[in-house]
N, C-alpha and C. Protein backbone atom coordinates (compact mmCIF):
# COMPACT_ATOMS: atom_id res chain seq x y z
N UNK A 1 39.97 0.27 -58.28
CA UNK A 1 38.80 -0.09 -57.49
C UNK A 1 37.55 -0.02 -58.36
N UNK A 2 36.74 -1.09 -58.33
CA UNK A 2 35.54 -1.13 -59.15
C UNK A 2 34.43 -0.36 -58.48
N UNK A 3 33.70 0.37 -59.26
CA UNK A 3 32.57 1.14 -58.75
C UNK A 3 31.29 0.34 -58.94
N UNK A 4 30.40 0.37 -57.94
CA UNK A 4 29.12 -0.31 -58.03
C UNK A 4 28.20 0.50 -58.92
N UNK A 5 27.66 -0.08 -59.96
CA UNK A 5 26.75 0.67 -60.85
C UNK A 5 25.59 1.26 -60.06
N UNK A 6 25.17 2.46 -60.48
CA UNK A 6 24.11 3.16 -59.76
C UNK A 6 22.83 2.35 -59.74
N UNK A 7 22.53 1.62 -60.84
CA UNK A 7 21.29 0.84 -60.90
C UNK A 7 21.33 -0.31 -59.91
N UNK A 8 22.52 -0.94 -59.79
CA UNK A 8 22.66 -2.05 -58.84
C UNK A 8 22.54 -1.55 -57.41
N UNK A 9 23.13 -0.38 -57.13
CA UNK A 9 23.06 0.20 -55.78
C UNK A 9 21.62 0.52 -55.42
N UNK A 10 20.88 1.08 -56.37
CA UNK A 10 19.49 1.44 -56.12
C UNK A 10 18.66 0.20 -55.86
N UNK A 11 18.92 -0.87 -56.65
CA UNK A 11 18.18 -2.12 -56.47
C UNK A 11 18.45 -2.72 -55.09
N UNK A 12 19.73 -2.65 -54.66
CA UNK A 12 20.10 -3.20 -53.35
C UNK A 12 19.39 -2.47 -52.23
N UNK A 13 19.30 -1.15 -52.34
CA UNK A 13 18.63 -0.35 -51.32
C UNK A 13 17.16 -0.69 -51.25
N UNK A 14 16.54 -0.94 -52.40
CA UNK A 14 15.11 -1.21 -52.44
C UNK A 14 14.77 -2.56 -51.83
N UNK A 15 15.61 -3.57 -52.08
CA UNK A 15 15.27 -4.92 -51.61
C UNK A 15 15.77 -5.21 -50.21
N UNK A 16 16.68 -4.37 -49.69
CA UNK A 16 17.19 -4.60 -48.34
C UNK A 16 16.12 -4.23 -47.33
N UNK A 17 15.70 -5.16 -46.46
CA UNK A 17 14.63 -4.85 -45.50
C UNK A 17 15.10 -3.88 -44.42
N UNK A 18 14.25 -2.95 -44.08
CA UNK A 18 14.55 -2.01 -43.02
C UNK A 18 14.06 -2.59 -41.70
N UNK A 19 14.71 -2.22 -40.60
CA UNK A 19 14.29 -2.70 -39.27
C UNK A 19 12.90 -2.17 -38.96
N UNK A 20 12.05 -3.05 -38.47
CA UNK A 20 10.68 -2.65 -38.14
C UNK A 20 10.68 -1.74 -36.91
N UNK A 21 9.75 -0.80 -36.93
CA UNK A 21 9.62 0.09 -35.78
C UNK A 21 9.09 -0.68 -34.58
N UNK A 22 9.72 -0.52 -33.44
CA UNK A 22 9.31 -1.24 -32.24
C UNK A 22 9.24 -0.29 -31.06
N UNK A 23 8.32 -0.59 -30.16
CA UNK A 23 8.24 0.14 -28.88
C UNK A 23 8.35 -0.88 -27.76
N UNK A 24 9.11 -0.53 -26.77
CA UNK A 24 9.27 -1.47 -25.66
C UNK A 24 8.01 -1.45 -24.81
N UNK A 25 7.35 -2.59 -24.72
CA UNK A 25 6.12 -2.69 -23.93
C UNK A 25 6.46 -2.73 -22.44
N UNK A 26 5.55 -2.21 -21.61
CA UNK A 26 5.79 -2.26 -20.16
C UNK A 26 5.95 -3.72 -19.71
N UNK A 27 6.89 -3.92 -18.82
CA UNK A 27 7.15 -5.28 -18.33
C UNK A 27 6.02 -5.73 -17.42
N UNK A 28 5.44 -6.88 -17.75
CA UNK A 28 4.32 -7.39 -16.96
C UNK A 28 4.82 -7.90 -15.62
N UNK A 29 4.23 -7.42 -14.52
CA UNK A 29 4.66 -7.88 -13.19
C UNK A 29 4.39 -9.37 -13.03
N UNK A 30 5.27 -10.03 -12.32
CA UNK A 30 5.09 -11.45 -12.06
C UNK A 30 3.98 -11.66 -11.03
N UNK A 31 3.23 -12.73 -11.22
CA UNK A 31 2.28 -13.11 -10.18
C UNK A 31 3.04 -13.79 -9.05
N UNK A 32 2.35 -14.00 -7.92
CA UNK A 32 2.99 -14.62 -6.77
C UNK A 32 3.54 -16.00 -7.15
N UNK A 33 2.71 -16.80 -7.83
CA UNK A 33 3.13 -18.16 -8.20
C UNK A 33 4.32 -18.14 -9.15
N UNK A 34 4.29 -17.22 -10.12
CA UNK A 34 5.39 -17.13 -11.08
C UNK A 34 6.68 -16.70 -10.39
N UNK A 35 6.56 -15.74 -9.48
CA UNK A 35 7.74 -15.23 -8.78
C UNK A 35 8.35 -16.30 -7.88
N UNK A 36 7.51 -17.04 -7.17
CA UNK A 36 8.01 -18.10 -6.29
C UNK A 36 8.70 -19.19 -7.11
N UNK A 37 8.12 -19.53 -8.24
CA UNK A 37 8.72 -20.55 -9.11
C UNK A 37 10.09 -20.08 -9.61
N UNK A 38 10.18 -18.80 -9.99
CA UNK A 38 11.47 -18.26 -10.44
C UNK A 38 12.49 -18.30 -9.31
N UNK A 39 12.03 -17.96 -8.09
CA UNK A 39 12.94 -17.97 -6.94
C UNK A 39 13.46 -19.38 -6.68
N UNK A 40 12.59 -20.40 -6.78
CA UNK A 40 13.02 -21.79 -6.58
C UNK A 40 14.09 -22.18 -7.60
N UNK A 41 13.85 -21.84 -8.85
CA UNK A 41 14.81 -22.19 -9.91
C UNK A 41 16.14 -21.45 -9.68
N UNK A 42 16.06 -20.21 -9.23
CA UNK A 42 17.27 -19.44 -8.99
C UNK A 42 18.07 -20.03 -7.82
N UNK A 43 17.37 -20.47 -6.79
CA UNK A 43 18.04 -21.09 -5.65
C UNK A 43 18.73 -22.38 -6.09
N UNK A 44 18.03 -23.18 -6.88
CA UNK A 44 18.62 -24.45 -7.36
C UNK A 44 19.86 -24.20 -8.21
N UNK A 45 19.86 -23.07 -8.94
CA UNK A 45 21.02 -22.72 -9.77
C UNK A 45 22.05 -21.90 -9.00
N UNK A 46 21.79 -21.71 -7.69
CA UNK A 46 22.67 -20.93 -6.81
C UNK A 46 22.82 -19.48 -7.28
N UNK A 47 21.77 -18.97 -7.94
CA UNK A 47 21.74 -17.56 -8.34
C UNK A 47 20.96 -16.79 -7.27
N UNK A 48 21.65 -16.46 -6.21
CA UNK A 48 20.99 -15.92 -5.03
C UNK A 48 20.42 -14.52 -5.27
N UNK A 49 21.12 -13.72 -6.04
CA UNK A 49 20.60 -12.38 -6.34
C UNK A 49 19.29 -12.45 -7.09
N UNK A 50 19.22 -13.34 -8.07
CA UNK A 50 17.98 -13.51 -8.83
C UNK A 50 16.87 -14.05 -7.94
N UNK A 51 17.22 -14.89 -6.98
CA UNK A 51 16.22 -15.43 -6.05
C UNK A 51 15.63 -14.32 -5.19
N UNK A 52 16.48 -13.43 -4.71
CA UNK A 52 16.00 -12.31 -3.89
C UNK A 52 15.07 -11.41 -4.71
N UNK A 53 15.46 -11.11 -5.94
CA UNK A 53 14.63 -10.27 -6.81
C UNK A 53 13.27 -10.90 -7.05
N UNK A 54 13.25 -12.21 -7.27
CA UNK A 54 11.99 -12.91 -7.51
C UNK A 54 11.11 -12.91 -6.27
N UNK A 55 11.71 -13.10 -5.10
CA UNK A 55 10.94 -13.09 -3.86
C UNK A 55 10.37 -11.70 -3.57
N UNK A 56 11.12 -10.67 -3.93
CA UNK A 56 10.61 -9.30 -3.78
C UNK A 56 9.39 -9.09 -4.68
N UNK A 57 9.44 -9.64 -5.87
CA UNK A 57 8.29 -9.55 -6.78
C UNK A 57 7.09 -10.28 -6.20
N UNK A 58 7.34 -11.41 -5.55
CA UNK A 58 6.25 -12.16 -4.91
C UNK A 58 5.60 -11.34 -3.80
N UNK A 59 6.43 -10.66 -3.00
CA UNK A 59 5.90 -9.82 -1.92
C UNK A 59 5.08 -8.68 -2.48
N UNK A 60 5.56 -8.05 -3.57
CA UNK A 60 4.81 -6.95 -4.17
C UNK A 60 3.43 -7.40 -4.64
N UNK A 61 3.37 -8.60 -5.21
CA UNK A 61 2.09 -9.10 -5.68
C UNK A 61 1.13 -9.32 -4.50
N UNK A 62 1.64 -9.84 -3.40
CA UNK A 62 0.81 -10.04 -2.22
C UNK A 62 0.35 -8.70 -1.66
N UNK A 63 1.24 -7.71 -1.67
CA UNK A 63 0.88 -6.39 -1.15
C UNK A 63 -0.21 -5.72 -1.98
N UNK A 64 -0.20 -5.94 -3.29
CA UNK A 64 -1.27 -5.40 -4.13
C UNK A 64 -2.62 -6.00 -3.71
N UNK A 65 -2.62 -7.31 -3.49
CA UNK A 65 -3.85 -7.97 -3.05
C UNK A 65 -4.24 -7.48 -1.65
N UNK A 66 -3.25 -7.26 -0.81
CA UNK A 66 -3.52 -6.77 0.54
C UNK A 66 -4.13 -5.37 0.50
N UNK A 67 -3.64 -4.52 -0.38
CA UNK A 67 -4.18 -3.17 -0.51
C UNK A 67 -5.66 -3.22 -0.90
N UNK A 68 -5.98 -4.06 -1.88
CA UNK A 68 -7.37 -4.19 -2.32
C UNK A 68 -8.26 -4.68 -1.18
N UNK A 69 -7.75 -5.64 -0.41
CA UNK A 69 -8.53 -6.20 0.70
C UNK A 69 -8.74 -5.18 1.81
N UNK A 70 -7.73 -4.37 2.10
CA UNK A 70 -7.86 -3.34 3.14
C UNK A 70 -8.90 -2.29 2.73
N UNK A 71 -8.82 -1.85 1.49
CA UNK A 71 -9.78 -0.85 1.01
C UNK A 71 -11.21 -1.38 1.09
N UNK A 72 -11.39 -2.67 0.83
CA UNK A 72 -12.72 -3.28 0.91
C UNK A 72 -13.24 -3.30 2.34
N UNK A 73 -12.32 -3.31 3.31
CA UNK A 73 -12.71 -3.36 4.73
C UNK A 73 -13.03 -1.98 5.32
N UNK A 74 -12.56 -0.93 4.68
CA UNK A 74 -12.78 0.41 5.24
C UNK A 74 -14.27 0.75 5.22
N UNK A 75 -14.71 1.55 6.20
CA UNK A 75 -16.15 1.88 6.29
C UNK A 75 -16.66 2.59 5.05
N UNK A 76 -17.94 2.40 4.77
CA UNK A 76 -18.62 3.10 3.68
C UNK A 76 -19.90 3.72 4.26
N UNK A 77 -19.76 4.74 5.10
CA UNK A 77 -20.95 5.33 5.73
C UNK A 77 -21.86 5.98 4.70
N UNK A 78 -23.15 5.83 4.92
CA UNK A 78 -24.14 6.37 3.98
C UNK A 78 -24.08 7.89 3.95
N UNK A 79 -24.15 8.43 2.74
CA UNK A 79 -24.15 9.88 2.57
C UNK A 79 -22.78 10.50 2.39
N UNK A 80 -21.74 9.70 2.47
CA UNK A 80 -20.37 10.21 2.34
C UNK A 80 -19.82 9.87 0.96
N UNK A 81 -19.09 10.81 0.37
CA UNK A 81 -18.36 10.52 -0.86
C UNK A 81 -16.97 10.02 -0.49
N UNK A 82 -16.46 9.11 -1.30
CA UNK A 82 -15.19 8.45 -0.99
C UNK A 82 -14.21 8.65 -2.14
N UNK A 83 -12.98 8.96 -1.80
CA UNK A 83 -11.92 9.11 -2.80
C UNK A 83 -10.66 8.41 -2.30
N UNK A 84 -10.16 7.48 -3.12
CA UNK A 84 -8.92 6.78 -2.79
C UNK A 84 -7.77 7.38 -3.58
N UNK A 85 -6.58 7.33 -2.98
CA UNK A 85 -5.41 7.80 -3.71
C UNK A 85 -5.06 6.84 -4.82
N UNK A 86 -4.63 7.38 -5.96
CA UNK A 86 -4.23 6.54 -7.09
C UNK A 86 -2.76 6.19 -6.94
N UNK A 87 -2.46 4.91 -7.09
CA UNK A 87 -1.09 4.44 -6.91
C UNK A 87 -0.68 3.60 -8.10
N UNK A 88 0.49 3.92 -8.66
CA UNK A 88 1.05 3.09 -9.72
C UNK A 88 1.89 2.01 -9.06
N UNK A 89 1.24 0.89 -8.75
CA UNK A 89 1.93 -0.16 -8.00
C UNK A 89 2.96 -0.89 -8.84
N UNK A 90 2.98 -0.63 -10.15
CA UNK A 90 3.96 -1.28 -11.02
C UNK A 90 5.27 -0.50 -11.10
N UNK A 91 5.27 0.71 -10.53
CA UNK A 91 6.49 1.51 -10.58
C UNK A 91 7.59 0.82 -9.77
N UNK A 92 8.78 0.73 -10.34
CA UNK A 92 9.88 0.02 -9.68
C UNK A 92 10.24 0.64 -8.35
N UNK A 93 10.33 1.98 -8.31
CA UNK A 93 10.73 2.64 -7.07
C UNK A 93 9.70 2.41 -5.98
N UNK A 94 8.42 2.52 -6.34
CA UNK A 94 7.35 2.29 -5.37
C UNK A 94 7.36 0.86 -4.88
N UNK A 95 7.55 -0.07 -5.81
CA UNK A 95 7.56 -1.48 -5.44
C UNK A 95 8.65 -1.79 -4.44
N UNK A 96 9.82 -1.23 -4.64
CA UNK A 96 10.93 -1.47 -3.72
C UNK A 96 10.63 -0.88 -2.35
N UNK A 97 10.01 0.30 -2.32
CA UNK A 97 9.66 0.92 -1.05
C UNK A 97 8.64 0.11 -0.30
N UNK A 98 7.63 -0.42 -1.02
CA UNK A 98 6.60 -1.23 -0.38
C UNK A 98 7.19 -2.46 0.29
N UNK A 99 8.15 -3.10 -0.39
CA UNK A 99 8.74 -4.31 0.16
C UNK A 99 9.50 -4.02 1.44
N UNK A 100 10.25 -2.92 1.47
CA UNK A 100 11.11 -2.61 2.61
C UNK A 100 10.33 -1.96 3.75
N UNK A 101 9.52 -0.95 3.43
CA UNK A 101 8.87 -0.14 4.46
C UNK A 101 7.44 -0.55 4.75
N UNK A 102 6.87 -1.42 3.97
CA UNK A 102 5.48 -1.81 4.18
C UNK A 102 4.54 -1.05 3.27
N UNK A 103 3.29 -1.42 3.36
CA UNK A 103 2.25 -0.86 2.50
C UNK A 103 1.62 0.38 3.15
N UNK A 104 1.34 1.39 2.34
CA UNK A 104 0.68 2.60 2.83
C UNK A 104 -0.41 3.00 1.85
N UNK A 105 -1.59 3.31 2.36
CA UNK A 105 -2.68 3.75 1.50
C UNK A 105 -3.54 4.77 2.24
N UNK A 106 -4.25 5.60 1.48
CA UNK A 106 -5.09 6.63 2.07
C UNK A 106 -6.46 6.64 1.42
N UNK A 107 -7.43 7.09 2.18
CA UNK A 107 -8.78 7.29 1.66
C UNK A 107 -9.36 8.55 2.32
N UNK A 108 -10.10 9.32 1.53
CA UNK A 108 -10.72 10.55 2.05
C UNK A 108 -12.23 10.48 1.89
N UNK A 109 -12.93 10.94 2.92
CA UNK A 109 -14.39 10.98 2.95
C UNK A 109 -14.85 12.44 3.07
N UNK A 110 -15.94 12.77 2.39
CA UNK A 110 -16.53 14.11 2.48
C UNK A 110 -18.04 13.98 2.67
N UNK A 111 -18.58 14.81 3.55
CA UNK A 111 -20.03 14.87 3.75
C UNK A 111 -20.37 16.27 4.24
N UNK A 112 -20.62 17.18 3.29
CA UNK A 112 -20.87 18.57 3.66
C UNK A 112 -19.64 19.18 4.29
N UNK A 113 -19.81 19.71 5.51
CA UNK A 113 -18.68 20.31 6.21
C UNK A 113 -17.92 19.29 7.06
N UNK A 114 -18.26 18.03 6.91
CA UNK A 114 -17.56 16.97 7.64
C UNK A 114 -16.58 16.25 6.73
N UNK A 115 -15.48 15.82 7.29
CA UNK A 115 -14.49 15.11 6.49
C UNK A 115 -13.75 14.09 7.34
N UNK A 116 -13.27 13.06 6.65
CA UNK A 116 -12.45 12.03 7.28
C UNK A 116 -11.27 11.75 6.37
N UNK A 117 -10.09 11.70 6.93
CA UNK A 117 -8.89 11.31 6.18
C UNK A 117 -8.32 10.08 6.87
N UNK A 118 -8.27 8.98 6.14
CA UNK A 118 -7.80 7.72 6.71
C UNK A 118 -6.49 7.32 6.05
N UNK A 119 -5.52 6.97 6.87
CA UNK A 119 -4.24 6.47 6.38
C UNK A 119 -3.95 5.13 7.05
N UNK A 120 -3.68 4.13 6.24
CA UNK A 120 -3.36 2.80 6.76
C UNK A 120 -1.91 2.48 6.41
N UNK A 121 -1.13 2.14 7.41
CA UNK A 121 0.25 1.70 7.21
C UNK A 121 0.32 0.25 7.68
N UNK A 122 0.70 -0.64 6.78
CA UNK A 122 0.71 -2.08 7.10
C UNK A 122 2.11 -2.66 6.96
N UNK A 123 2.41 -3.59 7.84
CA UNK A 123 3.67 -4.34 7.79
C UNK A 123 4.90 -3.44 7.86
N UNK A 124 4.82 -2.43 8.71
CA UNK A 124 5.95 -1.53 8.84
C UNK A 124 6.71 -1.81 10.14
N UNK A 125 8.00 -2.15 10.04
CA UNK A 125 8.79 -2.40 11.26
C UNK A 125 8.97 -1.15 12.11
N UNK A 126 8.77 0.02 11.50
CA UNK A 126 8.95 1.28 12.22
C UNK A 126 7.87 1.48 13.29
N UNK A 127 6.75 0.78 13.16
CA UNK A 127 5.63 0.99 14.08
C UNK A 127 5.83 0.33 15.44
N UNK A 128 6.80 -0.56 15.53
CA UNK A 128 7.00 -1.26 16.80
C UNK A 128 7.36 -0.32 17.93
N UNK A 129 7.95 0.82 17.59
CA UNK A 129 8.30 1.79 18.62
C UNK A 129 7.06 2.42 19.27
N UNK A 130 5.91 2.34 18.58
CA UNK A 130 4.68 2.91 19.14
C UNK A 130 4.10 2.06 20.26
N UNK A 131 4.54 0.83 20.38
CA UNK A 131 3.99 -0.04 21.42
C UNK A 131 4.24 0.52 22.81
N UNK A 132 5.33 1.24 22.97
CA UNK A 132 5.63 1.84 24.27
C UNK A 132 4.57 2.87 24.63
N UNK A 133 4.18 3.68 23.66
CA UNK A 133 3.16 4.71 23.90
C UNK A 133 1.80 4.08 24.17
N UNK A 134 1.41 3.11 23.34
CA UNK A 134 0.09 2.50 23.46
C UNK A 134 -0.03 1.65 24.74
N UNK A 135 1.09 1.28 25.32
CA UNK A 135 1.07 0.48 26.54
C UNK A 135 1.18 1.32 27.81
N UNK A 136 1.16 2.64 27.65
CA UNK A 136 1.32 3.53 28.80
C UNK A 136 0.14 4.49 28.90
N UNK A 137 -0.95 4.11 29.60
CA UNK A 137 -2.14 4.98 29.71
C UNK A 137 -1.82 6.35 30.29
N UNK A 138 -0.89 6.41 31.23
CA UNK A 138 -0.54 7.70 31.84
C UNK A 138 0.06 8.64 30.81
N UNK A 139 0.88 8.11 29.94
CA UNK A 139 1.49 8.93 28.89
C UNK A 139 0.44 9.40 27.90
N UNK A 140 -0.52 8.54 27.59
CA UNK A 140 -1.60 8.90 26.67
C UNK A 140 -2.45 10.02 27.26
N UNK A 141 -2.81 9.88 28.53
CA UNK A 141 -3.64 10.89 29.20
C UNK A 141 -2.91 12.22 29.31
N UNK A 142 -1.63 12.16 29.60
CA UNK A 142 -0.84 13.38 29.73
C UNK A 142 -0.78 14.15 28.41
N UNK A 143 -0.93 13.43 27.29
CA UNK A 143 -0.91 14.07 25.98
C UNK A 143 -2.31 14.48 25.52
N UNK A 144 -3.28 14.37 26.43
CA UNK A 144 -4.65 14.77 26.09
C UNK A 144 -5.44 13.70 25.38
N UNK A 145 -4.95 12.47 25.41
CA UNK A 145 -5.62 11.39 24.71
C UNK A 145 -6.41 10.47 25.62
N UNK A 146 -7.13 9.56 25.00
CA UNK A 146 -7.93 8.56 25.70
C UNK A 146 -7.64 7.19 25.10
N UNK A 147 -7.42 6.20 25.95
CA UNK A 147 -7.15 4.85 25.47
C UNK A 147 -8.45 4.15 25.14
N UNK A 148 -8.53 3.62 23.92
CA UNK A 148 -9.72 2.89 23.48
C UNK A 148 -9.27 1.47 23.13
N UNK A 149 -10.03 0.48 23.59
CA UNK A 149 -9.67 -0.91 23.32
C UNK A 149 -10.61 -1.51 22.26
N UNK A 150 -9.99 -2.21 21.32
CA UNK A 150 -10.72 -2.97 20.30
C UNK A 150 -10.34 -4.43 20.47
N UNK A 151 -10.90 -5.09 21.45
CA UNK A 151 -10.52 -6.46 21.71
C UNK A 151 -9.06 -6.52 22.11
N UNK A 152 -8.26 -7.26 21.32
CA UNK A 152 -6.84 -7.40 21.62
C UNK A 152 -6.01 -6.20 21.18
N UNK A 153 -6.64 -5.26 20.48
CA UNK A 153 -5.92 -4.11 19.94
C UNK A 153 -6.26 -2.83 20.71
N UNK A 154 -5.34 -1.87 20.63
CA UNK A 154 -5.52 -0.61 21.35
C UNK A 154 -5.53 0.56 20.38
N UNK A 155 -6.17 1.63 20.83
CA UNK A 155 -6.25 2.85 20.03
C UNK A 155 -6.11 4.06 20.93
N UNK A 156 -5.70 5.16 20.34
CA UNK A 156 -5.61 6.44 21.05
C UNK A 156 -6.55 7.41 20.36
N UNK A 157 -7.44 8.01 21.14
CA UNK A 157 -8.39 9.00 20.64
C UNK A 157 -8.11 10.32 21.33
N UNK A 158 -7.99 11.39 20.54
CA UNK A 158 -7.79 12.71 21.15
C UNK A 158 -8.31 13.78 20.21
N UNK A 159 -8.56 14.95 20.79
CA UNK A 159 -9.06 16.07 20.01
C UNK A 159 -7.98 16.58 19.06
N UNK A 160 -8.43 17.10 17.92
CA UNK A 160 -7.52 17.66 16.93
C UNK A 160 -8.07 19.02 16.51
N UNK A 161 -7.46 20.08 16.98
CA UNK A 161 -7.94 21.42 16.67
C UNK A 161 -9.23 21.73 17.41
N UNK A 162 -9.99 22.69 16.89
CA UNK A 162 -11.22 23.13 17.55
C UNK A 162 -12.39 22.20 17.28
N UNK A 163 -12.40 21.54 16.13
CA UNK A 163 -13.58 20.78 15.73
C UNK A 163 -13.23 19.42 15.16
N UNK A 164 -12.12 18.87 15.63
CA UNK A 164 -11.67 17.61 15.04
C UNK A 164 -11.31 16.56 16.07
N UNK A 165 -11.16 15.35 15.57
CA UNK A 165 -10.75 14.21 16.38
C UNK A 165 -9.68 13.43 15.63
N UNK A 166 -8.78 12.84 16.39
CA UNK A 166 -7.76 11.97 15.79
C UNK A 166 -7.83 10.61 16.46
N UNK A 167 -7.88 9.57 15.64
CA UNK A 167 -7.95 8.20 16.15
C UNK A 167 -6.81 7.40 15.52
N UNK A 168 -6.03 6.73 16.37
CA UNK A 168 -4.96 5.88 15.89
C UNK A 168 -5.15 4.48 16.46
N UNK A 169 -5.30 3.51 15.58
CA UNK A 169 -5.51 2.12 15.99
C UNK A 169 -4.28 1.31 15.62
N UNK A 170 -3.67 0.68 16.61
CA UNK A 170 -2.47 -0.13 16.38
C UNK A 170 -2.87 -1.61 16.43
N UNK A 171 -2.54 -2.34 15.35
CA UNK A 171 -2.86 -3.76 15.27
C UNK A 171 -1.59 -4.58 15.13
N UNK A 172 -1.43 -5.54 16.01
CA UNK A 172 -0.32 -6.49 15.96
C UNK A 172 1.05 -5.80 15.94
N UNK A 173 1.11 -4.59 16.44
CA UNK A 173 2.36 -3.82 16.57
C UNK A 173 3.02 -3.47 15.24
N UNK A 174 2.42 -3.84 14.12
CA UNK A 174 3.03 -3.55 12.81
C UNK A 174 2.07 -2.90 11.83
N UNK A 175 0.82 -2.65 12.25
CA UNK A 175 -0.17 -2.01 11.38
C UNK A 175 -0.81 -0.84 12.14
N UNK A 176 -0.93 0.28 11.46
CA UNK A 176 -1.53 1.47 12.08
C UNK A 176 -2.61 2.04 11.17
N UNK A 177 -3.80 2.26 11.77
CA UNK A 177 -4.89 2.94 11.07
C UNK A 177 -5.05 4.31 11.73
N UNK A 178 -4.79 5.36 10.99
CA UNK A 178 -4.88 6.71 11.52
C UNK A 178 -6.03 7.45 10.84
N UNK A 179 -6.91 8.02 11.66
CA UNK A 179 -8.08 8.73 11.13
C UNK A 179 -8.07 10.16 11.65
N UNK A 180 -8.13 11.11 10.74
CA UNK A 180 -8.26 12.52 11.11
C UNK A 180 -9.66 12.97 10.73
N UNK A 181 -10.47 13.27 11.71
CA UNK A 181 -11.88 13.62 11.48
C UNK A 181 -12.11 15.10 11.79
N UNK A 182 -12.86 15.76 10.92
CA UNK A 182 -13.23 17.16 11.13
C UNK A 182 -14.75 17.27 11.10
N UNK A 183 -15.30 17.95 12.11
CA UNK A 183 -16.75 18.14 12.14
C UNK A 183 -17.51 16.99 12.77
N UNK A 184 -16.82 16.04 13.39
CA UNK A 184 -17.47 14.89 14.02
C UNK A 184 -17.13 14.86 15.51
N UNK A 185 -18.07 14.39 16.29
CA UNK A 185 -17.80 14.17 17.70
C UNK A 185 -17.04 12.86 17.86
N UNK A 186 -16.48 12.66 19.05
CA UNK A 186 -15.75 11.42 19.31
C UNK A 186 -16.68 10.22 19.19
N UNK A 187 -17.91 10.36 19.71
CA UNK A 187 -18.87 9.25 19.64
C UNK A 187 -19.23 8.90 18.21
N UNK A 188 -19.44 9.92 17.36
CA UNK A 188 -19.78 9.66 15.96
C UNK A 188 -18.62 8.99 15.22
N UNK A 189 -17.41 9.41 15.56
CA UNK A 189 -16.24 8.82 14.92
C UNK A 189 -16.10 7.34 15.28
N UNK A 190 -16.31 7.03 16.55
CA UNK A 190 -16.19 5.64 17.01
C UNK A 190 -17.33 4.76 16.50
N UNK A 191 -18.45 5.36 16.13
CA UNK A 191 -19.54 4.58 15.53
C UNK A 191 -19.17 4.13 14.12
N UNK A 192 -18.40 4.97 13.42
CA UNK A 192 -17.98 4.62 12.06
C UNK A 192 -16.83 3.62 12.10
N UNK A 193 -15.84 3.90 12.94
CA UNK A 193 -14.69 3.01 13.08
C UNK A 193 -14.87 2.20 14.36
N UNK A 194 -15.75 1.21 14.26
CA UNK A 194 -16.16 0.44 15.43
C UNK A 194 -15.43 -0.90 15.50
N UNK A 195 -15.86 -1.73 16.43
CA UNK A 195 -15.23 -3.04 16.60
C UNK A 195 -15.39 -3.91 15.35
N UNK A 196 -16.53 -3.81 14.70
CA UNK A 196 -16.76 -4.60 13.48
C UNK A 196 -15.75 -4.23 12.39
N UNK A 197 -15.40 -2.96 12.31
CA UNK A 197 -14.40 -2.51 11.33
C UNK A 197 -13.06 -3.16 11.61
N UNK A 198 -12.63 -3.11 12.86
CA UNK A 198 -11.34 -3.71 13.23
C UNK A 198 -11.36 -5.22 13.00
N UNK A 199 -12.48 -5.85 13.31
CA UNK A 199 -12.59 -7.30 13.09
C UNK A 199 -12.45 -7.65 11.61
N UNK A 200 -12.99 -6.79 10.73
CA UNK A 200 -12.88 -7.04 9.29
C UNK A 200 -11.42 -6.99 8.83
N UNK A 201 -10.63 -6.14 9.48
CA UNK A 201 -9.24 -5.99 9.09
C UNK A 201 -8.35 -7.15 9.51
N UNK A 202 -8.89 -8.04 10.36
CA UNK A 202 -8.08 -9.16 10.79
C UNK A 202 -7.66 -10.05 9.63
N UNK A 203 -8.49 -10.13 8.60
CA UNK A 203 -8.15 -11.01 7.48
C UNK A 203 -6.96 -10.47 6.70
N UNK A 204 -6.97 -9.18 6.28
CA UNK A 204 -5.80 -8.70 5.53
C UNK A 204 -4.62 -8.30 6.41
N UNK A 205 -4.87 -8.05 7.71
CA UNK A 205 -3.79 -7.57 8.58
C UNK A 205 -3.44 -8.52 9.72
N UNK A 206 -4.23 -9.56 9.91
CA UNK A 206 -3.99 -10.46 11.03
C UNK A 206 -2.76 -11.32 10.85
N UNK A 207 -2.35 -11.93 11.94
CA UNK A 207 -1.18 -12.80 11.91
C UNK A 207 -1.61 -14.24 11.71
């Protein structure tokens, strides 16, 4: 067996290119148009699984826009500090949950000893069961609540603890705006979350 001379081996090592260092970049989410186009191509190729995945990506993109639109509609009362929850909407697990269960977001307000915690749940099929409660004034009253009407939509207002109020607004049977207020009267709460607020939400939440 012939041995490779040491000088030749050294030369080979020097001139042989080494693999460049690489880092896997985060996968860029598809836009709605890109996802729909991919879904069309997948359907034409009878790749149904790929079509479903692409359509889910399209829904996620719409939900991101919907989240931004809802936050823009929430009240901005003077003198209150506002804090929104941070969400990594690009996370795969979160994206899958949003598609199946609907969109959920929260915002917190502070003003001295007063506070507001707002939670919006949109496009959730689970909320349809609440229509029975919202359609039964006797049941609402028996639970210590009061029925409030916002045009075509209904809400339940009731006391929460010694110094709080809870307001739940149901829109189109699939969207719920829940507000937990501390240090505010019922009248003050309804001035902040008024008919104009609900009307603004018709664009991102309407049918």
